[in-house]
Amino acid sequence: MSSNVDKPVAAVHHRISASLVGRVVVLLIALFLTLGPVIWTLVVSLTPTDSLGQRTLSLTAFRDVFSQVDVIRLFWNSTLVTGLCAIGQMFTAALAGYAFARLRFRGSSLLFGIVLATMMIPMQVTIVPVFMIIRSMGLSDTLWALILPAIPTAFGTFLMRQNFMGIPESLTEAAQVDGASPWRTFRSIYLPLSVPGLAVVGILAFNGIWNEFFRPLIMTISEQNFTLPLGLVSLQGRLGTGSMSTVLAGVVLSMIPALIVFIFGQRPLREGLTAGAVK
């Protein structure tokens, strides 16, 4: 009798083990595909080819990066553009999200739908009109040409609207009873409660703009206005004859700020994305 009972238990245990092994294999494959290029980049940058064609452990590739391009200026340009864009997106997303979530005005639903529809338009479609507007303002080939068009954010507006809608509306009613204006209600109640959502907007804006290549390529001409991704292209040399280790050393340097933001922003990002999921 006991042997008949043990057979189903063994079969269930076998299925569980097989399922667990399958999940582990899938996760290992995903881990390899995700971290494999990063590890390869780091290894090649630390092992440049010497005069004999052999790879040795050395930091000469990183030294060559600083000697071939003005890394300090590129870092400063990228930091300035990314920081102002991130702050601007947090500010505009918070204001627009609050307006769409809590202020009642005619045509708000239609306007919000139009804002969301802009997310479906590729940047390549709008880059020429934006460039013409920037040039008419006399801001072409400046860092402001990269900052001003990136401050409005449809995704950030949507994210903050959903964040504000998760806050009980009774807080607004209580503030109105106390005589608070909509701006005072936003500043004193909703804004402090939306810090996780603002952190998500800021982190996503930083990652997107720090690694941006297409817009700086169109908007800037002078090397003094290049951002880091655009400036590192010169490391490839004429017709791509530059040292691969030097190019990848520049890539490693460009990854450091994004890695720091990820390490310190992981918790706010996780809290912001899950805010409102459970009430």
C-alpha atoms as a PDB file:
ATOM      1  CA  MET A   1       0.000   0.000   0.000  1.00  0.00           C
ATOM      2  CA  SER A   2       2.779   2.395   0.892  1.00  0.00           C
ATOM      3  CA  SER A   3       4.588   1.751  -2.389  1.00  0.00           C
ATOM      4  CA  ASN A   4       1.497   2.863  -4.333  1.00  0.00           C
ATOM      5  CA  VAL A   5       1.405   6.111  -2.350  1.00  0.00           C
ATOM      6  CA  ASP A   6       5.118   6.751  -2.849  1.00  0.00           C
ATOM      7  CA  LYS A   7       4.851   6.597  -6.641  1.00  0.00           C
ATOM      8  CA  PRO A   8       2.623   9.719  -7.054  1.00  0.00           C
ATOM      9  CA  VAL A   9       4.767  11.571  -4.526  1.00  0.00           C
ATOM     10  CA  ALA A  10       7.917  10.682  -6.442  1.00  0.00           C
ATOM     11  CA  ALA A  11       6.294  11.722  -9.728  1.00  0.00           C
ATOM     12  CA  VAL A  12       5.265  15.096  -8.276  1.00  0.00           C
ATOM     13  CA  HIS A  13       8.754  15.582  -6.865  1.00  0.00           C
ATOM     14  CA  HIS A  14      10.247  14.736 -10.251  1.00  0.00           C
ATOM     15  CA  ARG A  15       8.003  17.263 -12.022  1.00  0.00           C
ATOM     16  CA  ILE A  16       8.880  19.949  -9.470  1.00  0.00           C
ATOM     17  CA  SER A  17      12.588  19.273  -9.879  1.00  0.00           C
ATOM     18  CA  ALA A  18      12.336  19.372 -13.674  1.00  0.00           C
ATOM     19  CA  SER A  19      10.388  22.636 -13.511  1.00  0.00           C
ATOM     20  CA  LEU A  20      12.956  24.146 -11.153  1.00  0.00           C
ATOM     21  CA  VAL A  21      15.839  23.093 -13.391  1.00  0.00           C
ATOM     22  CA  GLY A  22      14.060  24.585 -16.411  1.00  0.00           C
ATOM     23  CA  ARG A  23      13.586  27.919 -14.655  1.00  0.00           C
ATOM     24  CA  VAL A  24      17.220  27.988 -13.539  1.00  0.00           C
ATOM     25  CA  VAL A  25      18.406  27.263 -17.088  1.00  0.00           C
ATOM     26  CA  VAL A  26      16.241  30.044 -18.511  1.00  0.00           C
ATOM     27  CA  LEU A  27      17.503  32.496 -15.871  1.00  0.00           C
ATOM     28  CA  LEU A  28      21.121  31.542 -16.567  1.00  0.00           C
ATOM     29  CA  ILE A  29      20.612  32.119 -20.299  1.00  0.00           C
ATOM     30  CA  ALA A  30      19.020  35.514 -19.610  1.00  0.00           C
ATOM     31  CA  LEU A  31      21.889  36.365 -17.244  1.00  0.00           C
ATOM     32  CA  PHE A  32      24.457  35.430 -19.878  1.00  0.00           C
ATOM     33  CA  LEU A  33      22.745  37.478 -22.585  1.00  0.00           C
ATOM     34  CA  THR A  34      22.467  40.470 -20.250  1.00  0.00           C
ATOM     35  CA  LEU A  35      25.859  40.491 -18.560  1.00  0.00           C
ATOM     36  CA  GLY A  36      27.885  38.798 -21.307  1.00  0.00           C
ATOM     37  CA  PRO A  37      28.434  41.952 -23.414  1.00  0.00           C
ATOM     38  CA  VAL A  38      29.214  43.997 -20.287  1.00  0.00           C
ATOM     39  CA  ILE A  39      31.799  41.501 -19.055  1.00  0.00           C
ATOM     40  CA  TRP A  40      33.333  41.262 -22.542  1.00  0.00           C
ATOM     41  CA  THR A  41      33.569  45.060 -22.727  1.00  0.00           C
ATOM     42  CA  LEU A  42      35.303  45.246 -19.354  1.00  0.00           C
ATOM     43  CA  VAL A  43      37.742  42.420 -20.176  1.00  0.00           C
ATOM     44  CA  VAL A  44      38.768  43.846 -23.563  1.00  0.00           C
ATOM     45  CA  SER A  45      39.208  47.354 -22.122  1.00  0.00           C
ATOM     46  CA  LEU A  46      41.534  46.000 -19.417  1.00  0.00           C
ATOM     47  CA  THR A  47      43.557  43.815 -21.801  1.00  0.00           C
ATOM     48  CA  PRO A  48      44.799  45.978 -24.694  1.00  0.00           C
ATOM     49  CA  THR A  49      46.959  44.501 -27.425  1.00  0.00           C
ATOM     50  CA  ASP A  50      50.695  45.153 -27.054  1.00  0.00           C
ATOM     51  CA  SER A  51      53.305  45.549 -29.802  1.00  0.00           C
ATOM     52  CA  LEU A  52      53.572  41.767 -30.150  1.00  0.00           C
ATOM     53  CA  GLY A  53      49.846  41.375 -30.690  1.00  0.00           C
ATOM     54  CA  GLN A  54      49.279  39.812 -27.282  1.00  0.00           C
ATOM     55  CA  ARG A  55      46.733  40.955 -24.736  1.00  0.00           C
ATOM     56  CA  THR A  56      48.055  41.912 -21.318  1.00  0.00           C
ATOM     57  CA  LEU A  57      46.367  43.316 -18.238  1.00  0.00           C
ATOM     58  CA  SER A  58      46.860  47.093 -18.351  1.00  0.00           C
ATOM     59  CA  LEU A  59      45.134  50.453 -17.881  1.00  0.00           C
ATOM     60  CA  THR A  60      46.752  52.017 -20.937  1.00  0.00           C
ATOM     61  CA  ALA A  61      43.444  51.972 -22.843  1.00  0.00           C
ATOM     62  CA  PHE A  62      41.872  54.257 -20.236  1.00  0.00           C
ATOM     63  CA  ARG A  63      44.900  56.547 -20.405  1.00  0.00           C
ATOM     64  CA  ASP A  64      44.522  56.692 -24.184  1.00  0.00           C
ATOM     65  CA  VAL A  65      40.900  57.762 -23.799  1.00  0.00           C
ATOM     66  CA  PHE A  66      41.923  60.830 -21.789  1.00  0.00           C
ATOM     67  CA  SER A  67      44.697  61.653 -24.254  1.00  0.00           C
ATOM     68  CA  GLN A  68      42.509  61.400 -27.372  1.00  0.00           C
ATOM     69  CA  VAL A  69      39.327  63.175 -26.230  1.00  0.00           C
ATOM     70  CA  ASP A  70      38.491  65.855 -23.684  1.00  0.00           C
ATOM     71  CA  VAL A  71      36.768  63.496 -21.260  1.00  0.00           C
ATOM     72  CA  ILE A  72      36.296  66.154 -18.569  1.00  0.00           C
ATOM     73  CA  ARG A  73      34.372  68.453 -20.920  1.00  0.00           C
ATOM     74  CA  LEU A  74      32.316  65.576 -22.303  1.00  0.00           C
ATOM     75  CA  PHE A  75      31.399  64.455 -18.785  1.00  0.00           C
ATOM     76  CA  TRP A  76      30.480  68.015 -17.836  1.00  0.00           C
ATOM     77  CA  ASN A  77      28.282  68.492 -20.898  1.00  0.00           C
ATOM     78  CA  SER A  78      26.509  65.177 -20.330  1.00  0.00           C
ATOM     79  CA  THR A  79      26.064  65.846 -16.611  1.00  0.00           C
ATOM     80  CA  LEU A  80      24.669  69.343 -17.223  1.00  0.00           C
ATOM     81  CA  VAL A  81      22.276  68.239 -19.964  1.00  0.00           C
ATOM     82  CA  THR A  82      21.145  65.109 -18.135  1.00  0.00           C
ATOM     83  CA  GLY A  83      20.729  66.818 -14.775  1.00  0.00           C
ATOM     84  CA  LEU A  84      18.696  69.751 -16.090  1.00  0.00           C
ATOM     85  CA  CYS A  85      16.543  67.470 -18.255  1.00  0.00           C
ATOM     86  CA  ALA A  86      15.854  65.121 -15.342  1.00  0.00           C
ATOM     87  CA  ILE A  87      14.936  67.976 -13.004  1.00  0.00           C
ATOM     88  CA  GLY A  88      12.826  69.598 -15.718  1.00  0.00           C
ATOM     89  CA  GLN A  89      10.967  66.365 -16.451  1.00  0.00           C
ATOM     90  CA  MET A  90      10.269  65.799 -12.753  1.00  0.00           C
ATOM     91  CA  PHE A  91       8.915  69.344 -12.428  1.00  0.00           C
ATOM     92  CA  THR A  92       6.720  69.328 -15.537  1.00  0.00           C
ATOM     93  CA  ALA A  93       5.506  65.747 -14.974  1.00  0.00           C
ATOM     94  CA  ALA A  94       4.465  66.566 -11.407  1.00  0.00           C
ATOM     95  CA  LEU A  95       2.527  69.684 -12.429  1.00  0.00           C
ATOM     96  CA  ALA A  96       0.867  68.129 -15.473  1.00  0.00           C
ATOM     97  CA  GLY A  97       0.124  64.868 -13.667  1.00  0.00           C
ATOM     98  CA  TYR A  98      -1.558  66.716 -10.813  1.00  0.00           C
ATOM     99  CA  ALA A  99      -3.595  68.828 -13.207  1.00  0.00           C
ATOM    100  CA  PHE A 100      -4.887  65.786 -15.085  1.00  0.00           C
ATOM    101  CA  ALA A 101      -5.507  63.798 -11.896  1.00  0.00           C
ATOM    102  CA  ARG A 102      -7.190  66.312  -9.623  1.00  0.00           C
ATOM    103  CA  LEU A 103      -8.177  69.470 -11.512  1.00  0.00           C
ATOM    104  CA  ARG A 104     -11.472  69.367 -13.381  1.00  0.00           C
ATOM    105  CA  PHE A 105     -11.592  71.398 -16.578  1.00  0.00           C
ATOM    106  CA  ARG A 106     -13.280  71.059 -19.949  1.00  0.00           C
ATOM    107  CA  GLY A 107     -11.424  68.907 -22.434  1.00  0.00           C
ATOM    108  CA  SER A 108      -9.026  67.402 -19.883  1.00  0.00           C
ATOM    109  CA  SER A 109      -9.640  63.845 -21.092  1.00  0.00           C
ATOM    110  CA  LEU A 110      -9.114  64.835 -24.733  1.00  0.00           C
ATOM    111  CA  LEU A 111      -5.957  66.765 -23.891  1.00  0.00           C
ATOM    112  CA  PHE A 112      -4.599  63.873 -21.863  1.00  0.00           C
ATOM    113  CA  GLY A 113      -5.297  61.527 -24.769  1.00  0.00           C
ATOM    114  CA  ILE A 114      -3.348  63.825 -27.088  1.00  0.00           C
ATOM    115  CA  VAL A 115      -0.435  63.844 -24.642  1.00  0.00           C
ATOM    116  CA  LEU A 116      -0.415  60.035 -24.573  1.00  0.00           C
ATOM    117  CA  ALA A 117      -0.654  59.895 -28.365  1.00  0.00           C
ATOM    118  CA  THR A 118       2.654  61.738 -28.650  1.00  0.00           C
ATOM    119  CA  MET A 119       4.326  58.660 -27.155  1.00  0.00           C
ATOM    120  CA  MET A 120       3.458  56.789 -30.357  1.00  0.00           C
ATOM    121  CA  ILE A 121       5.364  59.248 -32.572  1.00  0.00           C
ATOM    122  CA  PRO A 122       9.021  58.273 -33.146  1.00  0.00           C
ATOM    123  CA  MET A 123      11.689  60.847 -32.425  1.00  0.00           C
ATOM    124  CA  GLN A 124      12.915  60.558 -36.018  1.00  0.00           C
ATOM    125  CA  VAL A 125       9.612  62.060 -37.193  1.00  0.00           C
ATOM    126  CA  THR A 126       9.759  65.138 -34.973  1.00  0.00           C
ATOM    127  CA  ILE A 127      13.496  65.808 -34.922  1.00  0.00           C
ATOM    128  CA  VAL A 128      13.458  68.029 -38.046  1.00  0.00           C
ATOM    129  CA  PRO A 129      10.584  70.313 -36.877  1.00  0.00           C
ATOM    130  CA  VAL A 130      12.202  70.546 -33.448  1.00  0.00           C
ATOM    131  CA  PHE A 131      15.540  71.442 -35.036  1.00  0.00           C
ATOM    132  CA  MET A 132      13.872  74.163 -37.121  1.00  0.00           C
ATOM    133  CA  ILE A 133      12.246  75.639 -34.021  1.00  0.00           C
ATOM    134  CA  ILE A 134      15.515  75.536 -32.087  1.00  0.00           C
ATOM    135  CA  ARG A 135      17.352  77.220 -34.947  1.00  0.00           C
ATOM    136  CA  SER A 136      14.704  79.956 -35.188  1.00  0.00           C
ATOM    137  CA  MET A 137      15.297  80.639 -31.493  1.00  0.00           C
ATOM    138  CA  GLY A 138      19.031  81.015 -32.105  1.00  0.00           C
ATOM    139  CA  LEU A 139      19.881  78.035 -29.904  1.00  0.00           C
ATOM    140  CA  SER A 140      21.287  75.641 -32.496  1.00  0.00           C
ATOM    141  CA  ASP A 141      24.639  74.072 -31.642  1.00  0.00           C
ATOM    142  CA  THR A 142      24.185  74.828 -27.945  1.00  0.00           C
ATOM    143  CA  LEU A 143      23.469  72.664 -24.923  1.00  0.00           C
ATOM    144  CA  TRP A 144      20.079  74.363 -24.624  1.00  0.00           C
ATOM    145  CA  ALA A 145      19.137  72.694 -27.898  1.00  0.00           C
ATOM    146  CA  LEU A 146      19.433  69.391 -26.062  1.00  0.00           C
ATOM    147  CA  ILE A 147      17.829  70.526 -22.809  1.00  0.00           C
ATOM    148  CA  LEU A 148      14.682  72.461 -23.724  1.00  0.00           C
ATOM    149  CA  PRO A 149      13.027  69.919 -26.084  1.00  0.00           C
ATOM    150  CA  ALA A 150      13.596  67.104 -23.572  1.00  0.00           C
ATOM    151  CA  ILE A 151      11.907  68.753 -20.592  1.00  0.00           C
ATOM    152  CA  PRO A 152       8.276  67.882 -21.499  1.00  0.00           C
ATOM    153  CA  THR A 153       7.606  64.175 -20.987  1.00  0.00           C
ATOM    154  CA  ALA A 154       4.429  62.350 -21.933  1.00  0.00           C
ATOM    155  CA  PHE A 155       5.410  59.171 -20.094  1.00  0.00           C
ATOM    156  CA  GLY A 156       6.316  61.088 -16.954  1.00  0.00           C
ATOM    157  CA  THR A 157       2.984  62.912 -17.086  1.00  0.00           C
ATOM    158  CA  PHE A 158       1.137  59.611 -17.374  1.00  0.00           C
ATOM    159  CA  LEU A 159       3.165  58.059 -14.548  1.00  0.00           C
ATOM    160  CA  MET A 160       2.601  60.972 -12.166  1.00  0.00           C
ATOM    161  CA  ARG A 161      -1.095  61.163 -13.031  1.00  0.00           C
ATOM    162  CA  GLN A 162      -1.506  57.520 -12.059  1.00  0.00           C
ATOM    163  CA  ASN A 163       0.535  58.158  -8.927  1.00  0.00           C
ATOM    164  CA  PHE A 164      -1.637  61.088  -7.879  1.00  0.00           C
ATOM    165  CA  MET A 165      -4.838  59.178  -8.602  1.00  0.00           C
ATOM    166  CA  GLY A 166      -3.686  56.551  -6.105  1.00  0.00           C
ATOM    167  CA  ILE A 167      -3.683  59.174  -3.343  1.00  0.00           C
ATOM    168  CA  PRO A 168      -7.059  59.417  -1.545  1.00  0.00           C
ATOM    169  CA  GLU A 169      -9.134  62.322  -2.833  1.00  0.00           C
ATOM    170  CA  SER A 170     -10.329  62.921   0.713  1.00  0.00           C
ATOM    171  CA  LEU A 171      -7.035  64.703   1.312  1.00  0.00           C
ATOM    172  CA  THR A 172      -7.983  67.250  -1.326  1.00  0.00           C
ATOM    173  CA  GLU A 173     -11.403  67.725   0.236  1.00  0.00           C
ATOM    174  CA  ALA A 174      -9.858  68.202   3.676  1.00  0.00           C
ATOM    175  CA  ALA A 175      -7.435  70.776   2.310  1.00  0.00           C
ATOM    176  CA  GLN A 176     -10.254  72.646   0.596  1.00  0.00           C
ATOM    177  CA  VAL A 177     -12.190  72.752   3.859  1.00  0.00           C
ATOM    178  CA  ASP A 178      -9.141  74.315   5.490  1.00  0.00           C
ATOM    179  CA  GLY A 179      -9.047  76.945   2.729  1.00  0.00           C
ATOM    180  CA  ALA A 180      -5.978  75.654   0.872  1.00  0.00           C
ATOM    181  CA  SER A 181      -5.631  76.643  -2.766  1.00  0.00           C
ATOM    182  CA  PRO A 182      -4.942  73.983  -5.450  1.00  0.00           C
ATOM    183  CA  TRP A 183      -1.287  75.045  -5.530  1.00  0.00           C
ATOM    184  CA  ARG A 184      -0.993  74.805  -1.719  1.00  0.00           C
ATOM    185  CA  THR A 185      -2.672  71.409  -1.804  1.00  0.00           C
ATOM    186  CA  PHE A 186      -0.262  70.206  -4.457  1.00  0.00           C
ATOM    187  CA  ARG A 187       2.826  71.589  -2.726  1.00  0.00           C
ATOM    188  CA  SER A 188       2.002  70.568   0.846  1.00  0.00           C
ATOM    189  CA  ILE A 189       0.136  67.267   0.381  1.00  0.00           C
ATOM    190  CA  TYR A 190       0.497  65.645  -3.009  1.00  0.00           C
ATOM    191  CA  LEU A 191       4.108  66.496  -3.787  1.00  0.00           C
ATOM    192  CA  PRO A 192       5.588  64.980  -0.594  1.00  0.00           C
ATOM    193  CA  LEU A 193       3.511  61.823  -1.105  1.00  0.00           C
ATOM    194  CA  SER A 194       4.679  61.433  -4.700  1.00  0.00           C
ATOM    195  CA  VAL A 195       8.424  61.275  -4.046  1.00  0.00           C
ATOM    196  CA  PRO A 196       8.716  57.605  -5.196  1.00  0.00           C
ATOM    197  CA  GLY A 197       6.982  58.450  -8.471  1.00  0.00           C
ATOM    198  CA  LEU A 198       9.202  61.483  -8.997  1.00  0.00           C
ATOM    199  CA  ALA A 199      12.236  59.297  -8.349  1.00  0.00           C
ATOM    200  CA  VAL A 200      11.125  56.942 -11.123  1.00  0.00           C
ATOM    201  CA  VAL A 201      10.718  59.847 -13.547  1.00  0.00           C
ATOM    202  CA  GLY A 202      14.131  61.231 -12.656  1.00  0.00           C
ATOM    203  CA  ILE A 203      15.970  57.898 -12.874  1.00  0.00           C
ATOM    204  CA  LEU A 204      14.385  56.955 -16.196  1.00  0.00           C
ATOM    205  CA  ALA A 205      15.122  60.418 -17.573  1.00  0.00           C
ATOM    206  CA  PHE A 206      18.750  60.148 -16.473  1.00  0.00           C
ATOM    207  CA  ASN A 207      19.275  56.740 -18.066  1.00  0.00           C
ATOM    208  CA  GLY A 208      17.601  57.755 -21.297  1.00  0.00           C
ATOM    209  CA  ILE A 209      19.297  61.122 -21.788  1.00  0.00           C
ATOM    210  CA  TRP A 210      22.750  60.122 -20.523  1.00  0.00           C
ATOM    211  CA  ASN A 211      22.996  57.420 -23.209  1.00  0.00           C
ATOM    212  CA  GLU A 212      21.356  59.501 -25.935  1.00  0.00           C
ATOM    213  CA  PHE A 213      23.224  59.695 -29.235  1.00  0.00           C
ATOM    214  CA  PHE A 214      20.768  60.632 -31.977  1.00  0.00           C
ATOM    215  CA  ARG A 215      19.638  64.059 -30.730  1.00  0.00           C
ATOM    216  CA  PRO A 216      23.156  65.346 -29.924  1.00  0.00           C
ATOM    217  CA  LEU A 217      24.258  64.178 -33.357  1.00  0.00           C
ATOM    218  CA  ILE A 218      21.573  66.340 -35.012  1.00  0.00           C
ATOM    219  CA  MET A 219      21.535  69.324 -32.676  1.00  0.00           C
ATOM    220  CA  THR A 220      25.233  69.958 -32.098  1.00  0.00           C
ATOM    221  CA  ILE A 221      28.142  70.595 -34.457  1.00  0.00           C
ATOM    222  CA  SER A 222      30.981  71.953 -32.327  1.00  0.00           C
ATOM    223  CA  GLU A 223      33.040  69.438 -30.382  1.00  0.00           C
ATOM    224  CA  GLN A 224      32.875  71.670 -27.308  1.00  0.00           C
ATOM    225  CA  ASN A 225      29.121  70.983 -27.142  1.00  0.00           C
ATOM    226  CA  PHE A 226      29.346  67.217 -27.647  1.00  0.00           C
ATOM    227  CA  THR A 227      27.981  64.922 -24.975  1.00  0.00           C
ATOM    228  CA  LEU A 228      29.872  61.834 -23.846  1.00  0.00           C
ATOM    229  CA  PRO A 229      28.299  59.239 -26.202  1.00  0.00           C
ATOM    230  CA  LEU A 230      28.841  61.500 -29.204  1.00  0.00           C
ATOM    231  CA  GLY A 231      32.376  62.493 -28.226  1.00  0.00           C
ATOM    232  CA  LEU A 232      33.471  58.874 -27.750  1.00  0.00           C
ATOM    233  CA  VAL A 233      32.813  58.174 -31.435  1.00  0.00           C
ATOM    234  CA  SER A 234      36.132  59.834 -32.310  1.00  0.00           C
ATOM    235  CA  LEU A 235      37.911  57.005 -30.477  1.00  0.00           C
ATOM    236  CA  GLN A 236      37.052  54.716 -33.389  1.00  0.00           C
ATOM    237  CA  GLY A 237      39.560  56.565 -35.556  1.00  0.00           C
ATOM    238  CA  ARG A 238      39.416  57.029 -39.318  1.00  0.00           C
ATOM    239  CA  LEU A 239      37.340  54.308 -40.991  1.00  0.00           C
ATOM    240  CA  GLY A 240      37.102  52.480 -37.671  1.00  0.00           C
ATOM    241  CA  THR A 241      40.836  51.796 -37.415  1.00  0.00           C
ATOM    242  CA  GLY A 242      41.107  52.832 -33.759  1.00  0.00           C
ATOM    243  CA  SER A 243      41.986  50.491 -30.932  1.00  0.00           C
ATOM    244  CA  MET A 244      39.064  48.363 -29.803  1.00  0.00           C
ATOM    245  CA  SER A 245      40.350  48.407 -26.229  1.00  0.00           C
ATOM    246  CA  THR A 246      40.423  52.215 -26.226  1.00  0.00           C
ATOM    247  CA  VAL A 247      36.892  52.440 -27.593  1.00  0.00           C
ATOM    248  CA  LEU A 248      35.572  50.000 -25.000  1.00  0.00           C
ATOM    249  CA  ALA A 249      37.499  51.788 -22.237  1.00  0.00           C
ATOM    250  CA  GLY A 250      35.526  54.893 -23.154  1.00  0.00           C
ATOM    251  CA  VAL A 251      32.330  52.849 -23.009  1.00  0.00           C
ATOM    252  CA  VAL A 252      33.243  51.614 -19.524  1.00  0.00           C
ATOM    253  CA  LEU A 253      33.825  55.190 -18.362  1.00  0.00           C
ATOM    254  CA  SER A 254      30.434  56.215 -19.731  1.00  0.00           C
ATOM    255  CA  MET A 255      28.741  53.368 -17.845  1.00  0.00           C
ATOM    256  CA  ILE A 256      30.035  54.408 -14.426  1.00  0.00           C
ATOM    257  CA  PRO A 257      27.502  57.245 -13.751  1.00  0.00           C
ATOM    258  CA  ALA A 258      24.592  55.090 -14.909  1.00  0.00           C
ATOM    259  CA  LEU A 259      25.804  52.276 -12.649  1.00  0.00           C
ATOM    260  CA  ILE A 260      26.027  54.633  -9.671  1.00  0.00           C
ATOM    261  CA  VAL A 261      22.505  55.933 -10.312  1.00  0.00           C
ATOM    262  CA  PHE A 262      21.218  52.364 -10.566  1.00  0.00           C
ATOM    263  CA  ILE A 263      22.872  51.311  -7.294  1.00  0.00           C
ATOM    264  CA  PHE A 264      21.557  54.245  -5.271  1.00  0.00           C
ATOM    265  CA  GLY A 265      18.252  54.553  -7.135  1.00  0.00           C
ATOM    266  CA  GLN A 266      17.249  50.891  -7.145  1.00  0.00           C
ATOM    267  CA  ARG A 267      15.090  51.140  -4.034  1.00  0.00           C
ATOM    268  CA  PRO A 268      13.246  54.370  -5.027  1.00  0.00           C
ATOM    269  CA  LEU A 269      12.726  52.916  -8.504  1.00  0.00           C
ATOM    270  CA  ARG A 270      11.227  49.724  -7.103  1.00  0.00           C
ATOM    271  CA  GLU A 271       9.016  51.607  -4.632  1.00  0.00           C
ATOM    272  CA  GLY A 272       7.860  54.055  -7.291  1.00  0.00           C
ATOM    273  CA  LEU A 273       6.926  51.367  -9.786  1.00  0.00           C
ATOM    274  CA  THR A 274       4.950  49.407  -7.189  1.00  0.00           C
ATOM    275  CA  ALA A 275       3.300  52.443  -5.576  1.00  0.00           C
ATOM    276  CA  GLY A 276      -0.459  52.145  -5.769  1.00  0.00           C
ATOM    277  CA  ALA A 277      -0.363  48.464  -6.701  1.00  0.00           C
ATOM    278  CA  VAL A 278      -1.665  47.522  -3.252  1.00  0.00           C
ATOM    279  CA  LYS A 279      -4.079  49.769  -1.400  1.00  0.00           C
END
